[in-house]
Amino acid sequence: MAYSEKLKQLVRDAPRTPGSTLGRWAVHLEFPVTKLAYALGVTRQTVYNWFAGGEVFVAYQQRVDLMTSIMATSSTAKEAWIRICKVYNLNPSPTKNSKTTQT
């Protein structure tokens, strides 16, 4: 899903912060916010706040920096996602019903 022009402008106008840098790469690659939130363990709203220049809490700083680095060295969103999943040992195609239950 492409980012809206309003969000693209918000990211462009945001002060340079780790979160807004992540946002610039996400917009450039058209990387979904839902995947960023999943990989970072935060809400989509938190990711949007970071895109707008909001403070990235210390607990997430290292992950945000690494994800930004991965996105900056990837040529597509798909490539970035595969690399992020490998680094964090994530399921590359999570679904709402992907939880398994023991019987």
PDB file of N, CA and C in Angstrom:
ATOM      1  N   MET A   1       0.847  -1.177   0.000  1.00  0.00           N
ATOM      2  CA  MET A   1       0.000   0.000   0.000  1.00  0.00           C
ATOM      3  C   MET A   1       0.889   1.237   0.000  1.00  0.00           C
ATOM      4  N   ALA A   2       0.623   2.121  -0.894  1.00  0.00           N
ATOM      5  CA  ALA A   2       1.419   3.339  -1.010  1.00  0.00           C
ATOM      6  C   ALA A   2       1.061   4.323   0.105  1.00  0.00           C
ATOM      7  N   TYR A   3       2.026   5.127   0.468  1.00  0.00           N
ATOM      8  CA  TYR A   3       1.809   6.157   1.479  1.00  0.00           C
ATOM      9  C   TYR A   3       1.077   7.338   0.858  1.00  0.00           C
ATOM     10  N   SER A   4       0.239   7.994   1.642  1.00  0.00           N
ATOM     11  CA  SER A   4      -0.502   9.157   1.168  1.00  0.00           C
ATOM     12  C   SER A   4       0.455  10.330   0.983  1.00  0.00           C
ATOM     13  N   GLU A   5       0.071  11.265   0.145  1.00  0.00           N
ATOM     14  CA  GLU A   5       0.878  12.466  -0.064  1.00  0.00           C
ATOM     15  C   GLU A   5       1.022  13.263   1.229  1.00  0.00           C
ATOM     16  N   LYS A   6      -0.033  13.263   2.036  1.00  0.00           N
ATOM     17  CA  LYS A   6      -0.003  13.974   3.312  1.00  0.00           C
ATOM     18  C   LYS A   6       1.087  13.389   4.220  1.00  0.00           C
ATOM     19  N   LEU A   7       1.164  12.055   4.296  1.00  0.00           N
ATOM     20  CA  LEU A   7       2.175  11.424   5.133  1.00  0.00           C
ATOM     21  C   LEU A   7       3.572  11.643   4.557  1.00  0.00           C
ATOM     22  N   LYS A   8       3.705  11.549   3.254  1.00  0.00           N
ATOM     23  CA  LYS A   8       5.007  11.798   2.632  1.00  0.00           C
ATOM     24  C   LYS A   8       5.500  13.195   2.965  1.00  0.00           C
ATOM     25  N   GLN A   9       4.606  14.176   2.925  1.00  0.00           N
ATOM     26  CA  GLN A   9       4.982  15.554   3.256  1.00  0.00           C
ATOM     27  C   GLN A   9       5.354  15.671   4.733  1.00  0.00           C
ATOM     28  N   LEU A  10       4.610  14.993   5.583  1.00  0.00           N
ATOM     29  CA  LEU A  10       4.901  14.998   7.014  1.00  0.00           C
ATOM     30  C   LEU A  10       6.307  14.462   7.271  1.00  0.00           C
ATOM     31  N   VAL A  11       6.656  13.370   6.614  1.00  0.00           N
ATOM     32  CA  VAL A  11       7.978  12.766   6.779  1.00  0.00           C
ATOM     33  C   VAL A  11       9.058  13.705   6.246  1.00  0.00           C
ATOM     34  N   ARG A  12       8.807  14.318   5.085  1.00  0.00           N
ATOM     35  CA  ARG A  12       9.785  15.258   4.513  1.00  0.00           C
ATOM     36  C   ARG A  12      10.020  16.455   5.422  1.00  0.00           C
ATOM     37  N   ASP A  13       8.967  16.933   6.054  1.00  0.00           N
ATOM     38  CA  ASP A  13       9.052  18.138   6.890  1.00  0.00           C
ATOM     39  C   ASP A  13       9.520  17.861   8.320  1.00  0.00           C
ATOM     40  N   ALA A  14       9.561  16.601   8.712  1.00  0.00           N
ATOM     41  CA  ALA A  14       9.918  16.246  10.087  1.00  0.00           C
ATOM     42  C   ALA A  14      11.389  16.562  10.353  1.00  0.00           C
ATOM     43  N   PRO A  15      11.706  16.945  11.595  1.00  0.00           N
ATOM     44  CA  PRO A  15      13.117  17.151  11.938  1.00  0.00           C
ATOM     45  C   PRO A  15      13.881  15.841  11.799  1.00  0.00           C
ATOM     46  N   ARG A  16      15.168  15.928  11.533  1.00  0.00           N
ATOM     47  CA  ARG A  16      15.980  14.713  11.374  1.00  0.00           C
ATOM     48  C   ARG A  16      16.142  14.013  12.714  1.00  0.00           C
ATOM     49  N   THR A  17      15.485  12.881  12.821  1.00  0.00           N
ATOM     50  CA  THR A  17      15.568  12.031  14.008  1.00  0.00           C
ATOM     51  C   THR A  17      15.713  10.597  13.527  1.00  0.00           C
ATOM     52  N   PRO A  18      16.073   9.668  14.396  1.00  0.00           N
ATOM     53  CA  PRO A  18      16.125   8.266  13.962  1.00  0.00           C
ATOM     54  C   PRO A  18      14.778   7.781  13.404  1.00  0.00           C
ATOM     55  N   GLY A  19      13.684   8.202  14.017  1.00  0.00           N
ATOM     56  CA  GLY A  19      12.365   7.790  13.550  1.00  0.00           C
ATOM     57  C   GLY A  19      11.993   8.376  12.204  1.00  0.00           C
ATOM     58  N   SER A  20      12.323   9.645  11.980  1.00  0.00           N
ATOM     59  CA  SER A  20      11.983  10.250  10.691  1.00  0.00           C
ATOM     60  C   SER A  20      12.892   9.701   9.586  1.00  0.00           C
ATOM     61  N   THR A  21      14.121   9.324   9.942  1.00  0.00           N
ATOM     62  CA  THR A  21      15.002   8.682   8.961  1.00  0.00           C
ATOM     63  C   THR A  21      14.440   7.319   8.570  1.00  0.00           C
ATOM     64  N   LEU A  22      13.948   6.583   9.544  1.00  0.00           N
ATOM     65  CA  LEU A  22      13.269   5.312   9.264  1.00  0.00           C
ATOM     66  C   LEU A  22      12.080   5.562   8.338  1.00  0.00           C
ATOM     67  N   GLY A  23      11.335   6.617   8.624  1.00  0.00           N
ATOM     68  CA  GLY A  23      10.183   6.966   7.794  1.00  0.00           C
ATOM     69  C   GLY A  23      10.566   7.310   6.366  1.00  0.00           C
ATOM     70  N   ARG A  24      11.661   8.025   6.194  1.00  0.00           N
ATOM     71  CA  ARG A  24      12.117   8.373   4.840  1.00  0.00           C
ATOM     72  C   ARG A  24      12.420   7.119   4.028  1.00  0.00           C
ATOM     73  N   TRP A  25      13.101   6.165   4.659  1.00  0.00           N
ATOM     74  CA  TRP A  25      13.395   4.917   3.957  1.00  0.00           C
ATOM     75  C   TRP A  25      12.133   4.089   3.715  1.00  0.00           C
ATOM     76  N   ALA A  26      11.228   4.087   4.674  1.00  0.00           N
ATOM     77  CA  ALA A  26       9.972   3.347   4.499  1.00  0.00           C
ATOM     78  C   ALA A  26       9.179   3.911   3.322  1.00  0.00           C
ATOM     79  N   VAL A  27       9.103   5.228   3.236  1.00  0.00           N
ATOM     80  CA  VAL A  27       8.389   5.865   2.117  1.00  0.00           C
ATOM     81  C   VAL A  27       9.106   5.561   0.812  1.00  0.00           C
ATOM     82  N   HIS A  28      10.431   5.686   0.808  1.00  0.00           N
ATOM     83  CA  HIS A  28      11.211   5.444  -0.408  1.00  0.00           C
ATOM     84  C   HIS A  28      10.992   4.026  -0.947  1.00  0.00           C
ATOM     85  N   LEU A  29      10.997   3.043  -0.046  1.00  0.00           N
ATOM     86  CA  LEU A  29      10.822   1.651  -0.460  1.00  0.00           C
ATOM     87  C   LEU A  29       9.365   1.205  -0.502  1.00  0.00           C
ATOM     88  N   GLU A  30       8.458   2.083  -0.027  1.00  0.00           N
ATOM     89  CA  GLU A  30       7.041   1.729   0.134  1.00  0.00           C
ATOM     90  C   GLU A  30       6.907   0.520   1.064  1.00  0.00           C
ATOM     91  N   PHE A  31       7.633   0.595   2.173  1.00  0.00           N
ATOM     92  CA  PHE A  31       7.658  -0.467   3.167  1.00  0.00           C
ATOM     93  C   PHE A  31       6.485  -0.272   4.119  1.00  0.00           C
ATOM     94  N   PRO A  32       5.628  -1.265   4.294  1.00  0.00           N
ATOM     95  CA  PRO A  32       4.412  -1.108   5.105  1.00  0.00           C
ATOM     96  C   PRO A  32       4.665  -0.833   6.587  1.00  0.00           C
ATOM     97  N   VAL A  33       3.921   0.097   7.126  1.00  0.00           N
ATOM     98  CA  VAL A  33       3.999   0.429   8.553  1.00  0.00           C
ATOM     99  C   VAL A  33       3.638  -0.787   9.401  1.00  0.00           C
ATOM    100  N   THR A  34       2.709  -1.597   8.959  1.00  0.00           N
ATOM    101  CA  THR A  34       2.313  -2.773   9.739  1.00  0.00           C
ATOM    102  C   THR A  34       3.496  -3.713   9.950  1.00  0.00           C
ATOM    103  N   LYS A  35       4.325  -3.871   8.942  1.00  0.00           N
ATOM    104  CA  LYS A  35       5.496  -4.740   9.075  1.00  0.00           C
ATOM    105  C   LYS A  35       6.539  -4.114   9.993  1.00  0.00           C
ATOM    106  N   LEU A  36       6.716  -2.802   9.898  1.00  0.00           N
ATOM    107  CA  LEU A  36       7.635  -2.124  10.812  1.00  0.00           C
ATOM    108  C   LEU A  36       7.177  -2.313  12.257  1.00  0.00           C
ATOM    109  N   ALA A  37       5.896  -2.094  12.496  1.00  0.00           N
ATOM    110  CA  ALA A  37       5.351  -2.230  13.848  1.00  0.00           C
ATOM    111  C   ALA A  37       5.526  -3.663  14.360  1.00  0.00           C
ATOM    112  N   TYR A  38       5.248  -4.635  13.515  1.00  0.00           N
ATOM    113  CA  TYR A  38       5.394  -6.043  13.884  1.00  0.00           C
ATOM    114  C   TYR A  38       6.842  -6.354  14.256  1.00  0.00           C
ATOM    115  N   ALA A  39       7.779  -5.940  13.419  1.00  0.00           N
ATOM    116  CA  ALA A  39       9.190  -6.244  13.657  1.00  0.00           C
ATOM    117  C   ALA A  39       9.744  -5.517  14.875  1.00  0.00           C
ATOM    118  N   LEU A  40       9.250  -4.327  15.119  1.00  0.00           N
ATOM    119  CA  LEU A  40       9.736  -3.534  16.252  1.00  0.00           C
ATOM    120  C   LEU A  40       9.005  -3.828  17.556  1.00  0.00           C
ATOM    121  N   GLY A  41       7.859  -4.486  17.463  1.00  0.00           N
ATOM    122  CA  GLY A  41       7.082  -4.793  18.661  1.00  0.00           C
ATOM    123  C   GLY A  41       6.372  -3.582  19.234  1.00  0.00           C
ATOM    124  N   VAL A  42       5.945  -2.680  18.349  1.00  0.00           N
ATOM    125  CA  VAL A  42       5.234  -1.470  18.764  1.00  0.00           C
ATOM    126  C   VAL A  42       3.944  -1.349  17.951  1.00  0.00           C
ATOM    127  N   THR A  43       3.143  -0.343  18.268  1.00  0.00           N
ATOM    128  CA  THR A  43       1.910  -0.114  17.514  1.00  0.00           C
ATOM    129  C   THR A  43       2.203   0.677  16.236  1.00  0.00           C
ATOM    130  N   ARG A  44       1.284   0.624  15.316  1.00  0.00           N
ATOM    131  CA  ARG A  44       1.411   1.430  14.091  1.00  0.00           C
ATOM    132  C   ARG A  44       1.447   2.908  14.448  1.00  0.00           C
ATOM    133  N   GLN A  45       0.654   3.317  15.436  1.00  0.00           N
ATOM    134  CA  GLN A  45       0.642   4.727  15.833  1.00  0.00           C
ATOM    135  C   GLN A  45       2.011   5.179  16.321  1.00  0.00           C
ATOM    136  N   THR A  46       2.698   4.312  17.043  1.00  0.00           N
ATOM    137  CA  THR A  46       4.057   4.642  17.493  1.00  0.00           C
ATOM    138  C   THR A  46       4.971   4.870  16.295  1.00  0.00           C
ATOM    139  N   VAL A  47       4.882   4.005  15.309  1.00  0.00           N
ATOM    140  CA  VAL A  47       5.708   4.163  14.099  1.00  0.00           C
ATOM    141  C   VAL A  47       5.390   5.485  13.413  1.00  0.00           C
ATOM    142  N   TYR A  48       4.110   5.812  13.273  1.00  0.00           N
ATOM    143  CA  TYR A  48       3.731   7.089  12.658  1.00  0.00           C
ATOM    144  C   TYR A  48       4.259   8.276  13.474  1.00  0.00           C
ATOM    145  N   ASN A  49       4.214   8.174  14.793  1.00  0.00           N
ATOM    146  CA  ASN A  49       4.759   9.237  15.646  1.00  0.00           C
ATOM    147  C   ASN A  49       6.258   9.405  15.396  1.00  0.00           C
ATOM    148  N   TRP A  50       6.972   8.305  15.264  1.00  0.00           N
ATOM    149  CA  TRP A  50       8.406   8.378  14.974  1.00  0.00           C
ATOM    150  C   TRP A  50       8.650   9.011  13.611  1.00  0.00           C
ATOM    151  N   PHE A  51       7.838   8.632  12.624  1.00  0.00           N
ATOM    152  CA  PHE A  51       7.975   9.215  11.274  1.00  0.00           C
ATOM    153  C   PHE A  51       7.872  10.737  11.337  1.00  0.00           C
ATOM    154  N   ALA A  52       7.016  11.227  12.219  1.00  0.00           N
ATOM    155  CA  ALA A  52       6.777  12.678  12.337  1.00  0.00           C
ATOM    156  C   ALA A  52       7.854  13.374  13.163  1.00  0.00           C
ATOM    157  N   GLY A  53       8.853  12.630  13.616  1.00  0.00           N
ATOM    158  CA  GLY A  53       9.940  13.227  14.374  1.00  0.00           C
ATOM    159  C   GLY A  53       9.878  12.982  15.862  1.00  0.00           C
ATOM    160  N   GLY A  54       8.901  12.168  16.284  1.00  0.00           N
ATOM    161  CA  GLY A  54       8.781  11.851  17.706  1.00  0.00           C
ATOM    162  C   GLY A  54       9.972  11.066  18.217  1.00  0.00           C
ATOM    163  N   GLU A  55      10.190  11.147  19.506  1.00  0.00           N
ATOM    164  CA  GLU A  55      11.332  10.498  20.138  1.00  0.00           C
ATOM    165  C   GLU A  55      11.208   8.973  20.106  1.00  0.00           C
ATOM    166  N   VAL A  56      12.285   8.312  19.700  1.00  0.00           N
ATOM    167  CA  VAL A  56      12.367   6.856  19.774  1.00  0.00           C
ATOM    168  C   VAL A  56      12.945   6.529  21.149  1.00  0.00           C
ATOM    169  N   PHE A  57      12.189   5.818  21.947  1.00  0.00           N
ATOM    170  CA  PHE A  57      12.649   5.469  23.286  1.00  0.00           C
ATOM    171  C   PHE A  57      13.915   4.619  23.203  1.00  0.00           C
ATOM    172  N   VAL A  58      14.740   4.758  24.208  1.00  0.00           N
ATOM    173  CA  VAL A  58      16.032   4.068  24.243  1.00  0.00           C
ATOM    174  C   VAL A  58      15.879   2.562  24.013  1.00  0.00           C
ATOM    175  N   ALA A  59      14.837   1.978  24.552  1.00  0.00           N
ATOM    176  CA  ALA A  59      14.621   0.535  24.412  1.00  0.00           C
ATOM    177  C   ALA A  59      14.478   0.088  22.959  1.00  0.00           C
ATOM    178  N   TYR A  60      14.055   1.000  22.072  1.00  0.00           N
ATOM    179  CA  TYR A  60      13.845   0.658  20.660  1.00  0.00           C
ATOM    180  C   TYR A  60      14.919   1.232  19.745  1.00  0.00           C
ATOM    181  N   GLN A  61      15.797   2.057  20.270  1.00  0.00           N
ATOM    182  CA  GLN A  61      16.770   2.771  19.444  1.00  0.00           C
ATOM    183  C   GLN A  61      17.635   1.840  18.589  1.00  0.00           C
ATOM    184  N   GLN A  62      18.176   0.799  19.190  1.00  0.00           N
ATOM    185  CA  GLN A  62      19.052  -0.112  18.460  1.00  0.00           C
ATOM    186  C   GLN A  62      18.302  -0.814  17.328  1.00  0.00           C
ATOM    187  N   ARG A  63      17.086  -1.240  17.594  1.00  0.00           N
ATOM    188  CA  ARG A  63      16.297  -1.917  16.559  1.00  0.00           C
ATOM    189  C   ARG A  63      15.963  -0.960  15.418  1.00  0.00           C
ATOM    190  N   VAL A  64      15.584   0.271  15.762  1.00  0.00           N
ATOM    191  CA  VAL A  64      15.260   1.266  14.734  1.00  0.00           C
ATOM    192  C   VAL A  64      16.491   1.540  13.876  1.00  0.00           C
ATOM    193  N   ASP A  65      17.641   1.709  14.510  1.00  0.00           N
ATOM    194  CA  ASP A  65      18.873   1.964  13.758  1.00  0.00           C
ATOM    195  C   ASP A  65      19.211   0.805  12.825  1.00  0.00           C
ATOM    196  N   LEU A  66      19.078  -0.422  13.327  1.00  0.00           N
ATOM    197  CA  LEU A  66      19.381  -1.588  12.498  1.00  0.00           C
ATOM    198  C   LEU A  66      18.395  -1.709  11.339  1.00  0.00           C
ATOM    199  N   MET A  67      17.110  -1.487  11.611  1.00  0.00           N
ATOM    200  CA  MET A  67      16.117  -1.570  10.537  1.00  0.00           C
ATOM    201  C   MET A  67      16.352  -0.490   9.487  1.00  0.00           C
ATOM    202  N   THR A  68      16.723   0.695   9.934  1.00  0.00           N
ATOM    203  CA  THR A  68      17.033   1.772   8.990  1.00  0.00           C
ATOM    204  C   THR A  68      18.222   1.378   8.122  1.00  0.00           C
ATOM    205  N   SER A  69      19.236   0.807   8.735  1.00  0.00           N
ATOM    206  CA  SER A  69      20.421   0.367   8.004  1.00  0.00           C
ATOM    207  C   SER A  69      20.072  -0.711   6.981  1.00  0.00           C
ATOM    208  N   ILE A  70      19.253  -1.656   7.380  1.00  0.00           N
ATOM    209  CA  ILE A  70      18.831  -2.718   6.454  1.00  0.00           C
ATOM    210  C   ILE A  70      18.052  -2.120   5.289  1.00  0.00           C
ATOM    211  N   MET A  71      17.136  -1.214   5.587  1.00  0.00           N
ATOM    212  CA  MET A  71      16.335  -0.611   4.516  1.00  0.00           C
ATOM    213  C   MET A  71      17.201   0.239   3.594  1.00  0.00           C
ATOM    214  N   ALA A  72      18.187   0.926   4.149  1.00  0.00           N
ATOM    215  CA  ALA A  72      19.054   1.783   3.348  1.00  0.00           C
ATOM    216  C   ALA A  72      19.945   0.984   2.401  1.00  0.00           C
ATOM    217  N   THR A  73      20.173  -0.277   2.732  1.00  0.00           N
ATOM    218  CA  THR A  73      21.030  -1.114   1.888  1.00  0.00           C
ATOM    219  C   THR A  73      20.236  -2.153   1.098  1.00  0.00           C
ATOM    220  N   SER A  74      18.935  -1.993   1.058  1.00  0.00           N
ATOM    221  CA  SER A  74      18.064  -2.887   0.293  1.00  0.00           C
ATOM    222  C   SER A  74      17.512  -2.135  -0.910  1.00  0.00           C
ATOM    223  N   SER A  75      17.301  -2.857  -1.992  1.00  0.00           N
ATOM    224  CA  SER A  75      16.786  -2.188  -3.187  1.00  0.00           C
ATOM    225  C   SER A  75      15.268  -2.246  -3.293  1.00  0.00           C
ATOM    226  N   THR A  76      14.639  -3.134  -2.522  1.00  0.00           N
ATOM    227  CA  THR A  76      13.184  -3.229  -2.531  1.00  0.00           C
ATOM    228  C   THR A  76      12.667  -3.469  -1.120  1.00  0.00           C
ATOM    229  N   ALA A  77      11.388  -3.215  -0.924  1.00  0.00           N
ATOM    230  CA  ALA A  77      10.762  -3.489   0.368  1.00  0.00           C
ATOM    231  C   ALA A  77      10.790  -4.987   0.666  1.00  0.00           C
ATOM    232  N   LYS A  78      10.600  -5.797  -0.363  1.00  0.00           N
ATOM    233  CA  LYS A  78      10.600  -7.247  -0.169  1.00  0.00           C
ATOM    234  C   LYS A  78      11.964  -7.731   0.312  1.00  0.00           C
ATOM    235  N   GLU A  79      13.021  -7.230  -0.310  1.00  0.00           N
ATOM    236  CA  GLU A  79      14.370  -7.599   0.114  1.00  0.00           C
ATOM    237  C   GLU A  79      14.621  -7.166   1.556  1.00  0.00           C
ATOM    238  N   ALA A  80      14.228  -5.951   1.889  1.00  0.00           N
ATOM    239  CA  ALA A  80      14.407  -5.449   3.254  1.00  0.00           C
ATOM    240  C   ALA A  80      13.643  -6.321   4.244  1.00  0.00           C
ATOM    241  N   TRP A  81      12.407  -6.668   3.912  1.00  0.00           N
ATOM    242  CA  TRP A  81      11.587  -7.473   4.818  1.00  0.00           C
ATOM    243  C   TRP A  81      12.210  -8.846   5.060  1.00  0.00           C
ATOM    244  N   ILE A  82      12.698  -9.483   4.028  1.00  0.00           N
ATOM    245  CA  ILE A  82      13.328 -10.799   4.169  1.00  0.00           C
ATOM    246  C   ILE A  82      14.559 -10.696   5.078  1.00  0.00           C
ATOM    247  N   ARG A  83      15.350  -9.665   4.880  1.00  0.00           N
ATOM    248  CA  ARG A  83      16.545  -9.475   5.705  1.00  0.00           C
ATOM    249  C   ARG A  83      16.173  -9.173   7.159  1.00  0.00           C
ATOM    250  N   ILE A  84      15.167  -8.337   7.367  1.00  0.00           N
ATOM    251  CA  ILE A  84      14.719  -8.015   8.726  1.00  0.00           C
ATOM    252  C   ILE A  84      14.226  -9.282   9.421  1.00  0.00           C
ATOM    253  N   CYS A  85      13.452 -10.085   8.719  1.00  0.00           N
ATOM    254  CA  CYS A  85      12.932 -11.325   9.310  1.00  0.00           C
ATOM    255  C   CYS A  85      14.050 -12.275   9.691  1.00  0.00           C
ATOM    256  N   LYS A  86      15.081 -12.354   8.866  1.00  0.00           N
ATOM    257  CA  LYS A  86      16.216 -13.224   9.190  1.00  0.00           C
ATOM    258  C   LYS A  86      16.939 -12.725  10.442  1.00  0.00           C
ATOM    259  N   VAL A  87      17.167 -11.426  10.523  1.00  0.00           N
ATOM    260  CA  VAL A  87      17.880 -10.858  11.671  1.00  0.00           C
ATOM    261  C   VAL A  87      17.106 -11.084  12.965  1.00  0.00           C
ATOM    262  N   TYR A  88      15.794 -10.896  12.928  1.00  0.00           N
ATOM    263  CA  TYR A  88      14.982 -10.988  14.138  1.00  0.00           C
ATOM    264  C   TYR A  88      14.234 -12.312  14.277  1.00  0.00           C
ATOM    265  N   ASN A  89      14.529 -13.265  13.388  1.00  0.00           N
ATOM    266  CA  ASN A  89      13.903 -14.581  13.439  1.00  0.00           C
ATOM    267  C   ASN A  89      12.376 -14.468  13.468  1.00  0.00           C
ATOM    268  N   LEU A  90      11.846 -13.705  12.511  1.00  0.00           N
ATOM    269  CA  LEU A  90      10.406 -13.477  12.416  1.00  0.00           C
ATOM    270  C   LEU A  90       9.809 -14.285  11.279  1.00  0.00           C
ATOM    271  N   ASN A  91       8.530 -14.566  11.394  1.00  0.00           N
ATOM    272  CA  ASN A  91       7.783 -15.184  10.313  1.00  0.00           C
ATOM    273  C   ASN A  91       7.562 -14.111   9.246  1.00  0.00           C
ATOM    274  N   PRO A  92       8.057 -14.308   8.016  1.00  0.00           N
ATOM    275  CA  PRO A  92       7.929 -13.262   6.999  1.00  0.00           C
ATOM    276  C   PRO A  92       6.504 -13.012   6.516  1.00  0.00           C
ATOM    277  N   SER A  93       5.580 -13.901   6.816  1.00  0.00           N
ATOM    278  CA  SER A  93       4.197 -13.674   6.391  1.00  0.00           C
ATOM    279  C   SER A  93       3.243 -13.958   7.547  1.00  0.00           C
ATOM    280  N   PRO A  94       3.270 -13.087   8.575  1.00  0.00           N
ATOM    281  CA  PRO A  94       2.380 -13.320   9.727  1.00  0.00           C
ATOM    282  C   PRO A  94       0.922 -13.117   9.364  1.00  0.00           C
ATOM    283  N   THR A  95       0.085 -13.909   9.982  1.00  0.00           N
ATOM    284  CA  THR A  95      -1.354 -13.750   9.803  1.00  0.00           C
ATOM    285  C   THR A  95      -1.993 -13.707  11.179  1.00  0.00           C
ATOM    286  N   LYS A  96      -3.209 -13.225  11.233  1.00  0.00           N
ATOM    287  CA  LYS A  96      -3.907 -13.161  12.521  1.00  0.00           C
ATOM    288  C   LYS A  96      -4.111 -14.539  13.118  1.00  0.00           C
ATOM    289  N   ASN A  97      -4.189 -15.570  12.278  1.00  0.00           N
ATOM    290  CA  ASN A  97      -4.455 -16.910  12.761  1.00  0.00           C
ATOM    291  C   ASN A  97      -3.201 -17.774  12.759  1.00  0.00           C
ATOM    292  N   SER A  98      -2.016 -17.149  12.797  1.00  0.00           N
ATOM    293  CA  SER A  98      -0.778 -17.926  12.692  1.00  0.00           C
ATOM    294  C   SER A  98      -0.354 -18.556  14.015  1.00  0.00           C
ATOM    295  N   LYS A  99      -1.053 -18.280  15.109  1.00  0.00           N
ATOM    296  CA  LYS A  99      -0.698 -18.876  16.396  1.00  0.00           C
ATOM    297  C   LYS A  99      -1.057 -20.340  16.383  1.00  0.00           C
ATOM    298  N   THR A 100      -0.161 -21.126  16.920  1.00  0.00           N
ATOM    299  CA  THR A 100      -0.442 -22.556  17.021  1.00  0.00           C
ATOM    300  C   THR A 100      -0.801 -22.870  18.464  1.00  0.00           C
ATOM    301  N   THR A 101      -1.632 -23.859  18.634  1.00  0.00           N
ATOM    302  CA  THR A 101      -2.019 -24.268  19.978  1.00  0.00           C
ATOM    303  C   THR A 101      -1.603 -25.695  20.219  1.00  0.00           C
ATOM    304  N   GLN A 102      -1.216 -25.983  21.438  1.00  0.00           N
ATOM    305  CA  GLN A 102      -0.841 -27.335  21.831  1.00  0.00           C
ATOM    306  C   GLN A 102      -2.092 -28.068  22.298  1.00  0.00           C
ATOM    307  N   THR A 103      -2.234 -29.309  21.877  1.00  0.00           N
ATOM    308  CA  THR A 103      -3.377 -30.126  22.340  1.00  0.00           C
ATOM    309  C   THR A 103      -2.905 -31.305  23.113  1.00  0.00           C
TER     310      THR A 103
END
